């Protein structure tokens, strides 16, 4: 890039073009950053949802286990009641 030349105006237009190109590059970078941020947010949301689902499933399993234990205890009590007349 020539700054000092006998061309004068031509050099300035060249500089203008490069400035435009720089601006466009900056804009592209900004857009790219925004996209990356959005993607990160999406991933975080998905991760949270997944964790929430896992917790729910875990709670469900625990409830089921608790119910089964209660049923077993009740059955044992019933058997004992019938066995001891």
PDB file of N, CA and C in Angstrom:
ATOM      1  N   UNK A   1       0.850  -1.173   0.000  1.00  0.00           N
ATOM      2  CA  UNK A   1       0.000   0.000   0.000  1.00  0.00           C
ATOM      3  C   UNK A   1       0.899   1.240   0.000  1.00  0.00           C
ATOM      4  N   UNK A   2       0.674   2.115  -0.955  1.00  0.00           N
ATOM      5  CA  UNK A   2       1.485   3.325  -1.060  1.00  0.00           C
ATOM      6  C   UNK A   2       0.797   4.493  -0.364  1.00  0.00           C
ATOM      7  N   UNK A   3       1.549   5.136   0.479  1.00  0.00           N
ATOM      8  CA  UNK A   3       0.993   6.314   1.135  1.00  0.00           C
ATOM      9  C   UNK A   3       1.497   7.595   0.459  1.00  0.00           C
ATOM     10  N   UNK A   4       2.724   7.555   0.024  1.00  0.00           N
ATOM     11  CA  UNK A   4       3.306   8.733  -0.628  1.00  0.00           C
ATOM     12  C   UNK A   4       3.570   8.397  -2.085  1.00  0.00           C
ATOM     13  N   UNK A   5       2.809   9.004  -2.960  1.00  0.00           N
ATOM     14  CA  UNK A   5       3.059   8.772  -4.386  1.00  0.00           C
ATOM     15  C   UNK A   5       2.541   9.955  -5.186  1.00  0.00           C
ATOM     16  N   UNK A   6       2.861   9.933  -6.439  1.00  0.00           N
ATOM     17  CA  UNK A   6       2.419  11.015  -7.312  1.00  0.00           C
ATOM     18  C   UNK A   6       0.987  10.789  -7.784  1.00  0.00           C
ATOM     19  N   UNK A   7       0.387   9.648  -7.426  1.00  0.00           N
ATOM     20  CA  UNK A   7      -0.954   9.332  -7.891  1.00  0.00           C
ATOM     21  C   UNK A   7      -2.033  10.122  -7.140  1.00  0.00           C
ATOM     22  N   UNK A   8      -1.792  10.470  -5.909  1.00  0.00           N
ATOM     23  CA  UNK A   8      -2.724  11.302  -5.154  1.00  0.00           C
ATOM     24  C   UNK A   8      -4.048  10.622  -4.869  1.00  0.00           C
ATOM     25  N   UNK A   9      -5.088  11.015  -5.641  1.00  0.00           N
ATOM     26  CA  UNK A   9      -6.453  10.524  -5.394  1.00  0.00           C
ATOM     27  C   UNK A   9      -6.566   9.000  -5.487  1.00  0.00           C
ATOM     28  N   UNK A  10      -5.851   8.459  -6.422  1.00  0.00           N
ATOM     29  CA  UNK A  10      -5.943   7.011  -6.628  1.00  0.00           C
ATOM     30  C   UNK A  10      -5.527   6.248  -5.361  1.00  0.00           C
ATOM     31  N   UNK A  11      -4.512   6.765  -4.733  1.00  0.00           N
ATOM     32  CA  UNK A  11      -4.051   6.121  -3.503  1.00  0.00           C
ATOM     33  C   UNK A  11      -5.152   6.193  -2.456  1.00  0.00           C
ATOM     34  N   UNK A  12      -5.835   7.315  -2.388  1.00  0.00           N
ATOM     35  CA  UNK A  12      -6.894   7.482  -1.392  1.00  0.00           C
ATOM     36  C   UNK A  12      -8.039   6.488  -1.630  1.00  0.00           C
ATOM     37  N   UNK A  13      -8.419   6.299  -2.898  1.00  0.00           N
ATOM     38  CA  UNK A  13      -9.501   5.348  -3.165  1.00  0.00           C
ATOM     39  C   UNK A  13      -9.077   3.949  -2.741  1.00  0.00           C
ATOM     40  N   UNK A  14      -7.834   3.638  -2.973  1.00  0.00           N
ATOM     41  CA  UNK A  14      -7.318   2.343  -2.576  1.00  0.00           C
ATOM     42  C   UNK A  14      -7.429   2.215  -1.055  1.00  0.00           C
ATOM     43  N   UNK A  15      -7.069   3.263  -0.350  1.00  0.00           N
ATOM     44  CA  UNK A  15      -7.156   3.247   1.109  1.00  0.00           C
ATOM     45  C   UNK A  15      -8.612   3.095   1.553  1.00  0.00           C
ATOM     46  N   UNK A  16      -9.509   3.789   0.835  1.00  0.00           N
ATOM     47  CA  UNK A  16     -10.926   3.684   1.165  1.00  0.00           C
ATOM     48  C   UNK A  16     -11.395   2.240   1.020  1.00  0.00           C
ATOM     49  N   UNK A  17     -10.971   1.595  -0.060  1.00  0.00           N
ATOM     50  CA  UNK A  17     -11.375   0.209  -0.285  1.00  0.00           C
ATOM     51  C   UNK A  17     -10.869  -0.687   0.834  1.00  0.00           C
ATOM     52  N   UNK A  18      -9.622  -0.487   1.209  1.00  0.00           N
ATOM     53  CA  UNK A  18      -9.085  -1.345   2.269  1.00  0.00           C
ATOM     54  C   UNK A  18      -9.823  -1.086   3.577  1.00  0.00           C
ATOM     55  N   UNK A  19     -10.187   0.174   3.836  1.00  0.00           N
ATOM     56  CA  UNK A  19     -10.949   0.467   5.046  1.00  0.00           C
ATOM     57  C   UNK A  19     -12.292  -0.248   5.026  1.00  0.00           C
ATOM     58  N   UNK A  20     -12.936  -0.231   3.850  1.00  0.00           N
ATOM     59  CA  UNK A  20     -14.216  -0.924   3.717  1.00  0.00           C
ATOM     60  C   UNK A  20     -14.029  -2.411   3.987  1.00  0.00           C
ATOM     61  N   UNK A  21     -12.971  -2.953   3.426  1.00  0.00           N
ATOM     62  CA  UNK A  21     -12.705  -4.375   3.624  1.00  0.00           C
ATOM     63  C   UNK A  21     -12.486  -4.683   5.103  1.00  0.00           C
ATOM     64  N   UNK A  22     -11.747  -3.794   5.785  1.00  0.00           N
ATOM     65  CA  UNK A  22     -11.500  -3.980   7.214  1.00  0.00           C
ATOM     66  C   UNK A  22     -12.810  -3.947   7.996  1.00  0.00           C
ATOM     67  N   UNK A  23     -13.665  -2.985   7.643  1.00  0.00           N
ATOM     68  CA  UNK A  23     -14.957  -2.883   8.322  1.00  0.00           C
ATOM     69  C   UNK A  23     -15.777  -4.154   8.119  1.00  0.00           C
ATOM     70  N   UNK A  24     -15.799  -4.645   6.883  1.00  0.00           N
ATOM     71  CA  UNK A  24     -16.538  -5.858   6.586  1.00  0.00           C
ATOM     72  C   UNK A  24     -15.996  -7.031   7.393  1.00  0.00           C
ATOM     73  N   UNK A  25     -14.682  -7.104   7.481  1.00  0.00           N
ATOM     74  CA  UNK A  25     -14.057  -8.174   8.247  1.00  0.00           C
ATOM     75  C   UNK A  25     -14.482  -8.113   9.701  1.00  0.00           C
ATOM     76  N   UNK A  26     -14.450  -6.888  10.254  1.00  0.00           N
ATOM     77  CA  UNK A  26     -14.852  -6.694  11.646  1.00  0.00           C
ATOM     78  C   UNK A  26     -16.302  -7.125  11.851  1.00  0.00           C
ATOM     79  N   UNK A  27     -17.160  -6.730  10.927  1.00  0.00           N
ATOM     80  CA  UNK A  27     -18.581  -7.097  11.008  1.00  0.00           C
ATOM     81  C   UNK A  27     -18.745  -8.616  10.972  1.00  0.00           C
ATOM     82  N   UNK A  28     -18.000  -9.272  10.090  1.00  0.00           N
ATOM     83  CA  UNK A  28     -18.070 -10.727  10.001  1.00  0.00           C
ATOM     84  C   UNK A  28     -17.647 -11.374  11.314  1.00  0.00           C
ATOM     85  N   UNK A  29     -16.571 -10.830  11.886  1.00  0.00           N
ATOM     86  CA  UNK A  29     -16.094 -11.366  13.162  1.00  0.00           C
ATOM     87  C   UNK A  29     -17.143 -11.197  14.252  1.00  0.00           C
ATOM     88  N   UNK A  30     -17.774 -10.016  14.283  1.00  0.00           N
ATOM     89  CA  UNK A  30     -18.814  -9.760  15.272  1.00  0.00           C
ATOM     90  C   UNK A  30     -19.951 -10.755  15.112  1.00  0.00           C
ATOM     91  N   UNK A  31     -20.384 -10.949  13.873  1.00  0.00           N
ATOM     92  CA  UNK A  31     -21.466 -11.884  13.605  1.00  0.00           C
ATOM     93  C   UNK A  31     -21.091 -13.298  14.038  1.00  0.00           C
ATOM     94  N   UNK A  32     -19.847 -13.657  13.748  1.00  0.00           N
ATOM     95  CA  UNK A  32     -19.366 -14.981  14.107  1.00  0.00           C
ATOM     96  C   UNK A  32     -19.392 -15.159  15.629  1.00  0.00           C
ATOM     97  N   UNK A  33     -18.948 -14.127  16.341  1.00  0.00           N
ATOM     98  CA  UNK A  33     -18.963 -14.173  17.806  1.00  0.00           C
ATOM     99  C   UNK A  33     -20.385 -14.330  18.323  1.00  0.00           C
ATOM    100  N   UNK A  34     -21.304 -13.563  17.737  1.00  0.00           N
ATOM    101  CA  UNK A  34     -22.708 -13.653  18.146  1.00  0.00           C
ATOM    102  C   UNK A  34     -23.236 -15.063  17.939  1.00  0.00           C
ATOM    103  N   UNK A  35     -22.923 -15.640  16.784  1.00  0.00           N
ATOM    104  CA  UNK A  35     -23.375 -16.996  16.487  1.00  0.00           C
ATOM    105  C   UNK A  35     -22.832 -17.981  17.514  1.00  0.00           C
ATOM    106  N   UNK A  36     -21.542 -17.828  17.830  1.00  0.00           N
ATOM    107  CA  UNK A  36     -20.930 -18.724  18.800  1.00  0.00           C
ATOM    108  C   UNK A  36     -21.595 -18.585  20.160  1.00  0.00           C
ATOM    109  N   UNK A  37     -21.883 -17.353  20.568  1.00  0.00           N
ATOM    110  CA  UNK A  37     -22.553 -17.127  21.846  1.00  0.00           C
ATOM    111  C   UNK A  37     -23.912 -17.814  21.866  1.00  0.00           C
ATOM    112  N   UNK A  38     -24.659 -17.646  20.777  1.00  0.00           N
ATOM    113  CA  UNK A  38     -25.979 -18.272  20.682  1.00  0.00           C
ATOM    114  C   UNK A  38     -25.864 -19.785  20.789  1.00  0.00           C
ATOM    115  N   UNK A  39     -24.884 -20.346  20.086  1.00  0.00           N
ATOM    116  CA  UNK A  39     -24.688 -21.791  20.128  1.00  0.00           C
ATOM    117  C   UNK A  39     -24.356 -22.255  21.541  1.00  0.00           C
ATOM    118  N   UNK A  40     -23.501 -21.501  22.224  1.00  0.00           N
ATOM    119  CA  UNK A  40     -23.148 -21.848  23.596  1.00  0.00           C
ATOM    120  C   UNK A  40     -24.377 -21.830  24.487  1.00  0.00           C
ATOM    121  N   UNK A  41     -25.199 -20.791  24.325  1.00  0.00           N
ATOM    122  CA  UNK A  41     -26.424 -20.695  25.118  1.00  0.00           C
ATOM    123  C   UNK A  41     -27.325 -21.888  24.855  1.00  0.00           C
ATOM    124  N   UNK A  42     -27.467 -22.250  23.583  1.00  0.00           N
ATOM    125  CA  UNK A  42     -28.299 -23.393  23.225  1.00  0.00           C
ATOM    126  C   UNK A  42     -27.783 -24.661  23.889  1.00  0.00           C
ATOM    127  N   UNK A  43     -26.451 -24.842  23.832  1.00  0.00           N
ATOM    128  CA  UNK A  43     -25.861 -26.031  24.433  1.00  0.00           C
ATOM    129  C   UNK A  43     -26.122 -26.063  25.935  1.00  0.00           C
ATOM    130  N   UNK A  44     -25.990 -24.903  26.574  1.00  0.00           N
ATOM    131  CA  UNK A  44     -26.234 -24.829  28.014  1.00  0.00           C
ATOM    132  C   UNK A  44     -27.675 -25.204  28.325  1.00  0.00           C
ATOM    133  N   UNK A  45     -28.599 -24.642  27.546  1.00  0.00           N
ATOM    134  CA  UNK A  45     -30.019 -24.945  27.751  1.00  0.00           C
ATOM    135  C   UNK A  45     -30.284 -26.440  27.608  1.00  0.00           C
ATOM    136  N   UNK A  46     -29.721 -27.021  26.542  1.00  0.00           N
ATOM    137  CA  UNK A  46     -29.907 -28.448  26.307  1.00  0.00           C
ATOM    138  C   UNK A  46     -29.364 -29.254  27.474  1.00  0.00           C
ATOM    139  N   UNK A  47     -28.188 -28.841  27.935  1.00  0.00           N
ATOM    140  CA  UNK A  47     -27.554 -29.548  29.040  1.00  0.00           C
ATOM    141  C   UNK A  47     -28.422 -29.474  30.291  1.00  0.00           C
ATOM    142  N   UNK A  48     -28.943 -28.286  30.578  1.00  0.00           N
ATOM    143  CA  UNK A  48     -29.806 -28.117  31.746  1.00  0.00           C
ATOM    144  C   UNK A  48     -31.051 -28.985  31.620  1.00  0.00           C
ATOM    145  N   UNK A  49     -31.654 -28.973  30.455  1.00  0.00           N
ATOM    146  CA  UNK A  49     -32.851 -29.786  30.227  1.00  0.00           C
ATOM    147  C   UNK A  49     -32.552 -31.257  30.456  1.00  0.00           C
ATOM    148  N   UNK A  50     -31.410 -31.678  29.893  1.00  0.00           N
ATOM    149  CA  UNK A  50     -31.023 -33.071  30.022  1.00  0.00           C
ATOM    150  C   UNK A  50     -30.841 -33.439  31.484  1.00  0.00           C
ATOM    151  N   UNK A  51     -30.150 -32.566  32.224  1.00  0.00           N
ATOM    152  CA  UNK A  51     -29.927 -32.813  33.653  1.00  0.00           C
ATOM    153  C   UNK A  51     -31.258 -32.867  34.396  1.00  0.00           C
ATOM    154  N   UNK A  52     -32.157 -31.952  34.047  1.00  0.00           N
ATOM    155  CA  UNK A  52     -33.475 -31.937  34.673  1.00  0.00           C
ATOM    156  C   UNK A  52     -34.217 -33.237  34.424  1.00  0.00           C
ATOM    157  N   UNK A  53     -34.148 -33.709  33.196  1.00  0.00           N
ATOM    158  CA  UNK A  53     -34.810 -34.968  32.852  1.00  0.00           C
ATOM    159  C   UNK A  53     -34.214 -36.123  33.645  1.00  0.00           C
ATOM    160  N   UNK A  54     -32.877 -36.112  33.740  1.00  0.00           N
ATOM    161  CA  UNK A  54     -32.212 -37.173  34.491  1.00  0.00           C
ATOM    162  C   UNK A  54     -32.668 -37.167  35.949  1.00  0.00           C
ATOM    163  N   UNK A  55     -32.740 -35.967  36.530  1.00  0.00           N
ATOM    164  CA  UNK A  55     -33.179 -35.859  37.916  1.00  0.00           C
ATOM    165  C   UNK A  55     -34.587 -36.395  38.088  1.00  0.00           C
ATOM    166  N   UNK A  56     -35.466 -36.018  37.149  1.00  0.00           N
ATOM    167  CA  UNK A  56     -36.848 -36.491  37.213  1.00  0.00           C
ATOM    168  C   UNK A  56     -36.905 -38.014  37.153  1.00  0.00           C
ATOM    169  N   UNK A  57     -36.146 -38.589  36.222  1.00  0.00           N
ATOM    170  CA  UNK A  57     -36.139 -40.045  36.079  1.00  0.00           C
ATOM    171  C   UNK A  57     -35.626 -40.695  37.352  1.00  0.00           C
ATOM    172  N   UNK A  58     -34.575 -40.098  37.906  1.00  0.00           N
ATOM    173  CA  UNK A  58     -34.000 -40.647  39.128  1.00  0.00           C
ATOM    174  C   UNK A  58     -35.027 -40.626  40.259  1.00  0.00           C
ATOM    175  N   UNK A  59     -35.714 -39.498  40.400  1.00  0.00           N
ATOM    176  CA  UNK A  59     -36.748 -39.384  41.431  1.00  0.00           C
ATOM    177  C   UNK A  59     -37.834 -40.432  41.219  1.00  0.00           C
ATOM    178  N   UNK A  60     -38.230 -40.615  39.963  1.00  0.00           N
ATOM    179  CA  UNK A  60     -39.256 -41.593  39.636  1.00  0.00           C
ATOM    180  C   UNK A  60     -38.827 -42.992  40.076  1.00  0.00           C
ATOM    181  N   UNK A  61     -37.577 -43.330  39.747  1.00  0.00           N
ATOM    182  CA  UNK A  61     -37.052 -44.642  40.114  1.00  0.00           C
ATOM    183  C   UNK A  61     -37.059 -44.820  41.624  1.00  0.00           C
ATOM    184  N   UNK A  62     -36.624 -43.771  42.316  1.00  0.00           N
ATOM    185  CA  UNK A  62     -36.594 -43.844  43.776  1.00  0.00           C
ATOM    186  C   UNK A  62     -37.998 -44.038  44.347  1.00  0.00           C
ATOM    187  N   UNK A  63     -38.960 -43.328  43.794  1.00  0.00           N
ATOM    188  CA  UNK A  63     -40.343 -43.480  44.240  1.00  0.00           C
ATOM    189  C   UNK A  63     -40.826 -44.909  44.034  1.00  0.00           C
ATOM    190  N   UNK A  64     -40.506 -45.437  42.837  1.00  0.00           N
ATOM    191  CA  UNK A  64     -40.914 -46.801  42.524  1.00  0.00           C
ATOM    192  C   UNK A  64     -40.306 -47.781  43.524  1.00  0.00           C
ATOM    193  N   UNK A  65     -39.004 -47.587  43.801  1.00  0.00           N
ATOM    194  CA  UNK A  65     -38.332 -48.465  44.753  1.00  0.00           C
ATOM    195  C   UNK A  65     -38.995 -48.365  46.117  1.00  0.00           C
ATOM    196  N   UNK A  66     -39.308 -47.157  46.515  1.00  0.00           N
ATOM    197  CA  UNK A  66     -39.973 -46.949  47.800  1.00  0.00           C
ATOM    198  C   UNK A  66     -41.310 -47.657  47.855  1.00  0.00           C
ATOM    199  N   UNK A  67     -42.072 -47.567  46.795  1.00  0.00           N
ATOM    200  CA  UNK A  67     -43.380 -48.223  46.731  1.00  0.00           C
ATOM    201  C   UNK A  67     -43.232 -49.737  46.825  1.00  0.00           C
ATOM    202  N   UNK A  68     -42.237 -50.250  46.098  1.00  0.00           N
ATOM    203  CA  UNK A  68     -42.020 -51.699  46.107  1.00  0.00           C
ATOM    204  C   UNK A  68     -41.679 -52.168  47.515  1.00  0.00           C
ATOM    205  N   UNK A  69     -40.810 -51.412  48.183  1.00  0.00           N
ATOM    206  CA  UNK A  69     -40.430 -51.781  49.548  1.00  0.00           C
ATOM    207  C   UNK A  69     -41.650 -51.780  50.461  1.00  0.00           C
ATOM    208  N   UNK A  70     -42.488 -50.761  50.336  1.00  0.00           N
ATOM    209  CA  UNK A  70     -43.701 -50.677  51.148  1.00  0.00           C
ATOM    210  C   UNK A  70     -44.597 -51.885  50.892  1.00  0.00           C
ATOM    211  N   UNK A  71     -44.767 -52.227  49.626  1.00  0.00           N
ATOM    212  CA  UNK A  71     -45.608 -53.369  49.270  1.00  0.00           C
ATOM    213  C   UNK A  71     -45.062 -54.660  49.885  1.00  0.00           C
ATOM    214  N   UNK A  72     -43.734 -54.825  49.786  1.00  0.00           N
ATOM    215  CA  UNK A  72     -43.119 -56.021  50.351  1.00  0.00           C
ATOM    216  C   UNK A  72     -43.372 -56.099  51.853  1.00  0.00           C
ATOM    217  N   UNK A  73     -43.194 -54.971  52.522  1.00  0.00           N
ATOM    218  CA  UNK A  73     -43.422 -54.940  53.967  1.00  0.00           C
ATOM    219  C   UNK A  73     -44.864 -55.293  54.297  1.00  0.00           C
ATOM    220  N   UNK A  74     -45.792 -54.723  53.529  1.00  0.00           N
ATOM    221  CA  UNK A  74     -47.210 -55.010  53.750  1.00  0.00           C
ATOM    222  C   UNK A  74     -47.514 -56.494  53.544  1.00  0.00           C
ATOM    223  N   UNK A  75     -46.937 -57.070  52.504  1.00  0.00           N
ATOM    224  CA  UNK A  75     -47.155 -58.485  52.225  1.00  0.00           C
ATOM    225  C   UNK A  75     -46.614 -59.349  53.354  1.00  0.00           C
ATOM    226  N   UNK A  76     -45.426 -58.971  53.843  1.00  0.00           N
ATOM    227  CA  UNK A  76     -44.839 -59.718  54.954  1.00  0.00           C
ATOM    228  C   UNK A  76     -45.747 -59.661  56.177  1.00  0.00           C
ATOM    229  N   UNK A  77     -46.269 -58.479  56.458  1.00  0.00           N
ATOM    230  CA  UNK A  77     -47.177 -58.321  57.598  1.00  0.00           C
ATOM    231  C   UNK A  77     -48.415 -59.188  57.425  1.00  0.00           C
ATOM    232  N   UNK A  78     -48.957 -59.196  56.229  1.00  0.00           N
ATOM    233  CA  UNK A  78     -50.142 -59.999  55.944  1.00  0.00           C
ATOM    234  C   UNK A  78     -49.834 -61.493  56.147  1.00  0.00           C
ATOM    235  N   UNK A  79     -48.688 -61.935  55.657  1.00  0.00           N
ATOM    236  CA  UNK A  79     -48.303 -63.338  55.796  1.00  0.00           C
ATOM    237  C   UNK A  79     -48.183 -63.709  57.274  1.00  0.00           C
ATOM    238  N   UNK A  80     -47.527 -62.807  58.009  1.00  0.00           N
ATOM    239  CA  UNK A  80     -47.365 -63.052  59.445  1.00  0.00           C
ATOM    240  C   UNK A  80     -48.739 -63.117  60.140  1.00  0.00           C
ATOM    241  N   UNK A  81     -49.602 -62.241  59.756  1.00  0.00           N
ATOM    242  CA  UNK A  81     -50.948 -62.221  60.339  1.00  0.00           C
ATOM    243  C   UNK A  81     -51.690 -63.511  60.053  1.00  0.00           C
ATOM    244  N   UNK A  82     -51.576 -64.024  58.850  1.00  0.00           N
ATOM    245  CA  UNK A  82     -52.245 -65.280  58.487  1.00  0.00           C
ATOM    246  C   UNK A  82     -51.554 -66.481  59.117  1.00  0.00           C
ATOM    247  N   UNK A  83     -50.248 -66.399  59.247  1.00  0.00           N
ATOM    248  CA  UNK A  83     -49.481 -67.528  59.789  1.00  0.00           C
ATOM    249  C   UNK A  83     -49.744 -67.710  61.282  1.00  0.00           C
ATOM    250  N   UNK A  84     -49.966 -66.614  62.010  1.00  0.00           N
ATOM    251  CA  UNK A  84     -50.170 -66.708  63.455  1.00  0.00           C
ATOM    252  C   UNK A  84     -51.655 -66.598  63.791  1.00  0.00           C
ATOM    253  N   UNK A  85     -52.315 -67.694  63.856  1.00  0.00           N
ATOM    254  CA  UNK A  85     -53.745 -67.619  64.212  1.00  0.00           C
ATOM    255  C   UNK A  85     -53.959 -67.631  65.727  1.00  0.00           C
TER     256      UNK A  85
END
